C-alpha atoms as a PDB file:
ATOM      1  CA  MET A   1     -48.421   9.789 124.483  1.00  0.00           C
ATOM      2  CA  LEU A   2     -48.812  10.733 120.843  1.00  0.00           C
ATOM      3  CA  ARG A   3     -50.518  14.004 119.820  1.00  0.00           C
ATOM      4  CA  ALA A   4     -52.691  13.880 116.636  1.00  0.00           C
ATOM      5  CA  ILE A   5     -51.928  10.451 115.513  1.00  0.00           C
ATOM      6  CA  ASN A   6     -55.297   9.652 114.287  1.00  0.00           C
ATOM      7  CA  VAL A   7     -56.951  12.991 113.549  1.00  0.00           C
ATOM      8  CA  GLY A   8     -57.362  15.305 110.502  1.00  0.00           C
ATOM      9  CA  GLY A   9     -57.972  12.505 108.008  1.00  0.00           C
ATOM     10  CA  HIS A  10     -55.091  10.500 109.225  1.00  0.00           C
ATOM     11  CA  THR A  11     -55.607   6.920 110.205  1.00  0.00           C
ATOM     12  CA  VAL A  12     -52.893   4.637 111.501  1.00  0.00           C
ATOM     13  CA  THR A  13     -53.534   1.025 112.511  1.00  0.00           C
ATOM     14  CA  MET A  14     -52.271   0.008 115.948  1.00  0.00           C
ATOM     15  CA  ASP A  15     -50.352  -2.874 114.183  1.00  0.00           C
ATOM     16  CA  LYS A  16     -48.521  -0.319 112.013  1.00  0.00           C
ATOM     17  CA  LEU A  17     -47.804   1.894 115.048  1.00  0.00           C
ATOM     18  CA  ARG A  18     -46.418  -0.990 117.108  1.00  0.00           C
ATOM     19  CA  ALA A  19     -44.155  -2.001 114.066  1.00  0.00           C
ATOM     20  CA  ILE A  20     -42.796   1.518 114.012  1.00  0.00           C
ATOM     21  CA  PHE A  21     -41.796   1.436 117.650  1.00  0.00           C
ATOM     22  CA  GLU A  22     -40.474  -2.107 117.376  1.00  0.00           C
ATOM     23  CA  ASP A  23     -38.340  -0.962 114.254  1.00  0.00           C
ATOM     24  CA  LEU A  24     -36.792   1.659 116.657  1.00  0.00           C
ATOM     25  CA  GLY A  25     -35.477  -1.242 118.981  1.00  0.00           C
ATOM     26  CA  LEU A  26     -38.152  -0.604 121.641  1.00  0.00           C
ATOM     27  CA  GLU A  27     -39.346  -3.698 123.438  1.00  0.00           C
ATOM     28  CA  ASP A  28     -42.555  -4.938 124.989  1.00  0.00           C
ATOM     29  CA  VAL A  29     -44.491  -2.520 122.631  1.00  0.00           C
ATOM     30  CA  GLN A  30     -48.222  -2.348 123.332  1.00  0.00           C
ATOM     31  CA  THR A  31     -50.774   0.147 122.080  1.00  0.00           C
ATOM     32  CA  PHE A  32     -53.357   1.139 124.544  1.00  0.00           C
ATOM     33  CA  ILE A  33     -56.808   2.504 123.385  1.00  0.00           C
ATOM     34  CA  ALA A  34     -56.506   3.593 119.797  1.00  0.00           C
ATOM     35  CA  SER A  35     -55.805   7.206 120.631  1.00  0.00           C
ATOM     36  CA  GLY A  36     -51.971   7.429 120.630  1.00  0.00           C
ATOM     37  CA  ASN A  37     -50.949   5.758 123.766  1.00  0.00           C
ATOM     38  CA  VAL A  38     -48.028   3.360 123.358  1.00  0.00           C
ATOM     39  CA  LEU A  39     -46.310   1.435 126.144  1.00  0.00           C
ATOM     40  CA  PHE A  40     -42.813   0.146 125.688  1.00  0.00           C
ATOM     41  CA  THR A  41     -39.508  -0.441 127.439  1.00  0.00           C
ATOM     42  CA  SER A  42     -36.286   1.210 126.254  1.00  0.00           C
ATOM     43  CA  PRO A  43     -32.679   0.426 126.848  1.00  0.00           C
ATOM     44  CA  GLY A  44     -32.011   4.116 126.559  1.00  0.00           C
ATOM     45  CA  THR A  45     -32.115   6.608 129.346  1.00  0.00           C
ATOM     46  CA  SER A  46     -32.441   9.955 127.705  1.00  0.00           C
ATOM     47  CA  ILE A  47     -36.202  10.656 127.386  1.00  0.00           C
ATOM     48  CA  PRO A  48     -35.684  13.907 125.322  1.00  0.00           C
ATOM     49  CA  ALA A  49     -33.460  12.054 122.834  1.00  0.00           C
ATOM     50  CA  LEU A  50     -35.963   9.112 122.610  1.00  0.00           C
ATOM     51  CA  GLU A  51     -38.826  11.586 121.969  1.00  0.00           C
ATOM     52  CA  ARG A  52     -36.922  13.252 119.175  1.00  0.00           C
ATOM     53  CA  LYS A  53     -36.182   9.824 117.754  1.00  0.00           C
ATOM     54  CA  ILE A  54     -39.634   8.597 117.888  1.00  0.00           C
ATOM     55  CA  GLU A  55     -40.969  11.899 116.413  1.00  0.00           C
ATOM     56  CA  ALA A  56     -38.584  11.704 113.374  1.00  0.00           C
ATOM     57  CA  ARG A  57     -39.423   8.008 112.740  1.00  0.00           C
ATOM     58  CA  LEU A  58     -43.203   8.833 112.864  1.00  0.00           C
ATOM     59  CA  ASP A  59     -42.817  11.811 110.531  1.00  0.00           C
ATOM     60  CA  LYS A  60     -40.747   9.686 108.017  1.00  0.00           C
ATOM     61  CA  SER A  61     -43.183   6.743 108.239  1.00  0.00           C
ATOM     62  CA  LEU A  62     -46.390   8.770 108.273  1.00  0.00           C
ATOM     63  CA  GLY A  63     -45.518  11.786 106.406  1.00  0.00           C
ATOM     64  CA  TYR A  64     -46.714  14.227 109.166  1.00  0.00           C
ATOM     65  CA  GLU A  65     -45.706  15.516 112.492  1.00  0.00           C
ATOM     66  CA  VAL A  66     -46.662  13.622 115.604  1.00  0.00           C
ATOM     67  CA  LYS A  67     -45.490  15.273 118.831  1.00  0.00           C
ATOM     68  CA  THR A  68     -44.375  12.632 121.444  1.00  0.00           C
ATOM     69  CA  PHE A  69     -44.644  12.987 125.217  1.00  0.00           C
ATOM     70  CA  ILE A  70     -42.895  10.269 127.220  1.00  0.00           C
ATOM     71  CA  ARG A  71     -43.558   9.439 130.783  1.00  0.00           C
ATOM     72  CA  THR A  72     -42.058   6.667 132.873  1.00  0.00           C
ATOM     73  CA  ALA A  73     -44.237   4.086 134.530  1.00  0.00           C
ATOM     74  CA  ARG A  74     -43.562   5.776 137.899  1.00  0.00           C
ATOM     75  CA  GLU A  75     -44.430   9.203 136.512  1.00  0.00           C
ATOM     76  CA  VAL A  76     -47.771   7.960 135.123  1.00  0.00           C
ATOM     77  CA  VAL A  77     -48.733   6.287 138.453  1.00  0.00           C
ATOM     78  CA  ALA A  78     -47.803   9.514 140.362  1.00  0.00           C
ATOM     79  CA  LEU A  79     -49.712  11.868 138.035  1.00  0.00           C
ATOM     80  CA  ALA A  80     -52.752   9.723 138.216  1.00  0.00           C
ATOM     81  CA  ALA A  81     -52.740   9.864 141.963  1.00  0.00           C
ATOM     82  CA  TYR A  82     -52.229  13.600 141.984  1.00  0.00           C
ATOM     83  CA  SER A  83     -55.358  15.542 143.124  1.00  0.00           C
ATOM     84  CA  PRO A  84     -55.383  18.966 141.569  1.00  0.00           C
ATOM     85  CA  PHE A  85     -59.096  19.567 142.450  1.00  0.00           C
ATOM     86  CA  PRO A  86     -61.354  18.323 145.326  1.00  0.00           C
ATOM     87  CA  ALA A  87     -62.531  14.766 144.618  1.00  0.00           C
ATOM     88  CA  ALA A  88     -66.134  15.922 144.570  1.00  0.00           C
ATOM     89  CA  GLN A  89     -65.609  18.407 141.849  1.00  0.00           C
ATOM     90  CA  ILE A  90     -63.823  15.817 139.734  1.00  0.00           C
ATOM     91  CA  ARG A  91     -66.793  13.276 140.346  1.00  0.00           C
ATOM     92  CA  GLY A  92     -69.253  15.946 139.325  1.00  0.00           C
ATOM     93  CA  ALA A  93     -67.379  17.293 136.282  1.00  0.00           C
ATOM     94  CA  GLY A  94     -68.520  16.788 132.751  1.00  0.00           C
ATOM     95  CA  ALA A  95     -64.863  16.026 131.865  1.00  0.00           C
ATOM     96  CA  PHE A  96     -61.575  15.660 133.716  1.00  0.00           C
ATOM     97  CA  CYS A  97     -58.478  15.592 131.499  1.00  0.00           C
ATOM     98  CA  VAL A  98     -54.740  15.516 131.882  1.00  0.00           C
ATOM     99  CA  GLY A  99     -52.699  17.484 129.437  1.00  0.00           C
ATOM    100  CA  PHE A 100     -49.092  16.279 128.699  1.00  0.00           C
ATOM    101  CA  LEU A 101     -46.398  18.787 128.135  1.00  0.00           C
ATOM    102  CA  GLY A 102     -42.786  18.660 126.963  1.00  0.00           C
ATOM    103  CA  GLN A 103     -41.668  21.057 129.600  1.00  0.00           C
ATOM    104  CA  PRO A 104     -43.340  22.626 132.708  1.00  0.00           C
ATOM    105  CA  LEU A 105     -45.135  25.940 131.882  1.00  0.00           C
ATOM    106  CA  ASP A 106     -43.184  29.067 132.474  1.00  0.00           C
ATOM    107  CA  ALA A 107     -44.657  31.966 134.506  1.00  0.00           C
ATOM    108  CA  ILE A 108     -46.033  33.690 131.306  1.00  0.00           C
ATOM    109  CA  ALA A 109     -47.671  30.531 130.048  1.00  0.00           C
ATOM    110  CA  LYS A 110     -49.117  29.987 133.593  1.00  0.00           C
ATOM    111  CA  THR A 111     -50.663  33.404 133.564  1.00  0.00           C
ATOM    112  CA  SER A 112     -52.121  32.742 130.017  1.00  0.00           C
ATOM    113  CA  LEU A 113     -53.546  29.472 131.239  1.00  0.00           C
ATOM    114  CA  ALA A 114     -55.168  31.181 134.227  1.00  0.00           C
ATOM    115  CA  SER A 115     -56.777  33.683 131.898  1.00  0.00           C
ATOM    116  CA  LEU A 116     -58.761  30.687 130.299  1.00  0.00           C
ATOM    117  CA  LYS A 117     -60.418  29.787 133.569  1.00  0.00           C
ATOM    118  CA  ASN A 118     -64.158  30.530 133.643  1.00  0.00           C
ATOM    119  CA  GLU A 119     -67.326  29.235 135.104  1.00  0.00           C
ATOM    120  CA  ILE A 120     -66.952  26.159 132.857  1.00  0.00           C
ATOM    121  CA  ASP A 121     -63.300  25.456 132.803  1.00  0.00           C
ATOM    122  CA  ASP A 122     -60.764  25.353 135.518  1.00  0.00           C
ATOM    123  CA  PHE A 123     -57.052  24.488 135.162  1.00  0.00           C
ATOM    124  CA  HIS A 124     -54.139  23.438 137.172  1.00  0.00           C
ATOM    125  CA  ALA A 125     -50.547  23.148 136.039  1.00  0.00           C
ATOM    126  CA  HIS A 126     -48.265  20.810 137.912  1.00  0.00           C
ATOM    127  CA  GLY A 127     -44.790  19.754 136.469  1.00  0.00           C
ATOM    128  CA  ARG A 128     -45.093  18.709 132.956  1.00  0.00           C
ATOM    129  CA  GLU A 129     -48.884  18.238 133.107  1.00  0.00           C
ATOM    130  CA  VAL A 130     -51.856  20.517 133.055  1.00  0.00           C
ATOM    131  CA  TYR A 131     -55.166  19.371 134.615  1.00  0.00           C
ATOM    132  CA  TRP A 132     -58.434  20.489 133.067  1.00  0.00           C
ATOM    133  CA  LEU A 133     -61.610  20.334 134.816  1.00  0.00           C
ATOM    134  CA  CYS A 134     -64.681  20.886 132.642  1.00  0.00           C
ATOM    135  CA  ARG A 135     -68.015  21.436 134.566  1.00  0.00           C
ATOM    136  CA  VAL A 136     -70.128  20.682 131.549  1.00  0.00           C
ATOM    137  CA  LYS A 137     -69.711  18.218 128.613  1.00  0.00           C
ATOM    138  CA  GLN A 138     -66.317  18.683 127.016  1.00  0.00           C
ATOM    139  CA  SER A 139     -68.145  19.430 123.605  1.00  0.00           C
ATOM    140  CA  ASP A 140     -69.912  22.346 125.272  1.00  0.00           C
ATOM    141  CA  SER A 141     -66.752  24.053 126.245  1.00  0.00           C
ATOM    142  CA  LYS A 142     -64.819  26.484 123.985  1.00  0.00           C
ATOM    143  CA  PHE A 143     -61.489  25.186 125.364  1.00  0.00           C
ATOM    144  CA  SER A 144     -59.446  22.928 123.119  1.00  0.00           C
ATOM    145  CA  ASN A 145     -55.936  21.931 122.453  1.00  0.00           C
ATOM    146  CA  THR A 146     -55.715  24.684 119.817  1.00  0.00           C
ATOM    147  CA  VAL A 147     -56.937  27.333 122.268  1.00  0.00           C
ATOM    148  CA  PHE A 148     -54.406  25.993 124.890  1.00  0.00           C
ATOM    149  CA  GLU A 149     -51.471  26.033 122.392  1.00  0.00           C
ATOM    150  CA  LYS A 150     -52.204  29.510 121.088  1.00  0.00           C
ATOM    151  CA  LYS A 151     -52.547  30.962 124.527  1.00  0.00           C
ATOM    152  CA  THR A 152     -49.471  29.385 126.250  1.00  0.00           C
ATOM    153  CA  GLY A 153     -47.250  28.646 123.294  1.00  0.00           C
ATOM    154  CA  ALA A 154     -46.752  25.093 124.494  1.00  0.00           C
ATOM    155  CA  ARG A 155     -47.558  21.846 122.588  1.00  0.00           C
ATOM    156  CA  VAL A 156     -49.914  19.470 124.523  1.00  0.00           C
ATOM    157  CA  THR A 157     -51.953  16.348 124.192  1.00  0.00           C
ATOM    158  CA  PHE A 158     -54.877  15.646 126.522  1.00  0.00           C
ATOM    159  CA  ARG A 159     -56.121  12.310 127.842  1.00  0.00           C
ATOM    160  CA  GLY A 160     -59.328  11.610 129.826  1.00  0.00           C
ATOM    161  CA  GLY A 161     -58.830  11.093 133.604  1.00  0.00           C
ATOM    162  CA  SER A 162     -60.235   7.508 133.224  1.00  0.00           C
ATOM    163  CA  THR A 163     -57.774   6.698 130.444  1.00  0.00           C
ATOM    164  CA  VAL A 164     -54.850   8.049 132.623  1.00  0.00           C
ATOM    165  CA  ALA A 165     -56.083   6.009 135.517  1.00  0.00           C
ATOM    166  CA  LYS A 166     -56.120   2.855 133.272  1.00  0.00           C
ATOM    167  CA  LEU A 167     -52.612   3.710 131.962  1.00  0.00           C
ATOM    168  CA  ALA A 168     -51.423   4.042 135.599  1.00  0.00           C
ATOM    169  CA  ALA A 169     -52.900   0.705 136.692  1.00  0.00           C
ATOM    170  CA  LYS A 170     -51.216  -0.875 133.733  1.00  0.00           C
ATOM    171  CA  ALA A 171     -47.961   0.943 134.348  1.00  0.00           C
ATOM    172  CA  GLY A 172     -48.119   0.207 138.128  1.00  0.00           C
ATOM    173  CA  ALA A 173     -48.257  -3.533 137.226  1.00  0.00           C
ATOM    174  CA  THR A 174     -44.882  -3.202 135.632  1.00  0.00           C
ATOM    175  CA  LEU A 175     -43.142  -1.537 138.585  1.00  0.00           C
END
């Protein structure tokens, strides 16, 4: 998952994004929904090293920072199946999103995240993900990536629950 690939006046075609990943020696490269989701296989096993390599190449190729969050196919399937809130709450929500982190939140960041909870927004941290339940339309909430990052000190990129479910279905087909 790529953070801020096509925002702030930046536009990257999916063909260009695929070419950047292929130039890194990654295989079976596919973009999924033009919002910074790239599926690929890699001969390497060090995810942190691969994240740094992708970030450096994107910065060089695009001229701006693009934070990268890699999850394996198994991880995507598992996190899509995880139920941080009752199913009825998720179904009735205005938005349900999954935030991808580089590292699990520490105790101080979790406390900061808990302070953002209100009658509209609820949160649940689990591993390298944070789940956000918004009881109204997402645009009616004061919560955002920027608010999260300022409060917790952690970088994040959010994806809608339906996008995560579709990614999991696609990833599950490769297992």
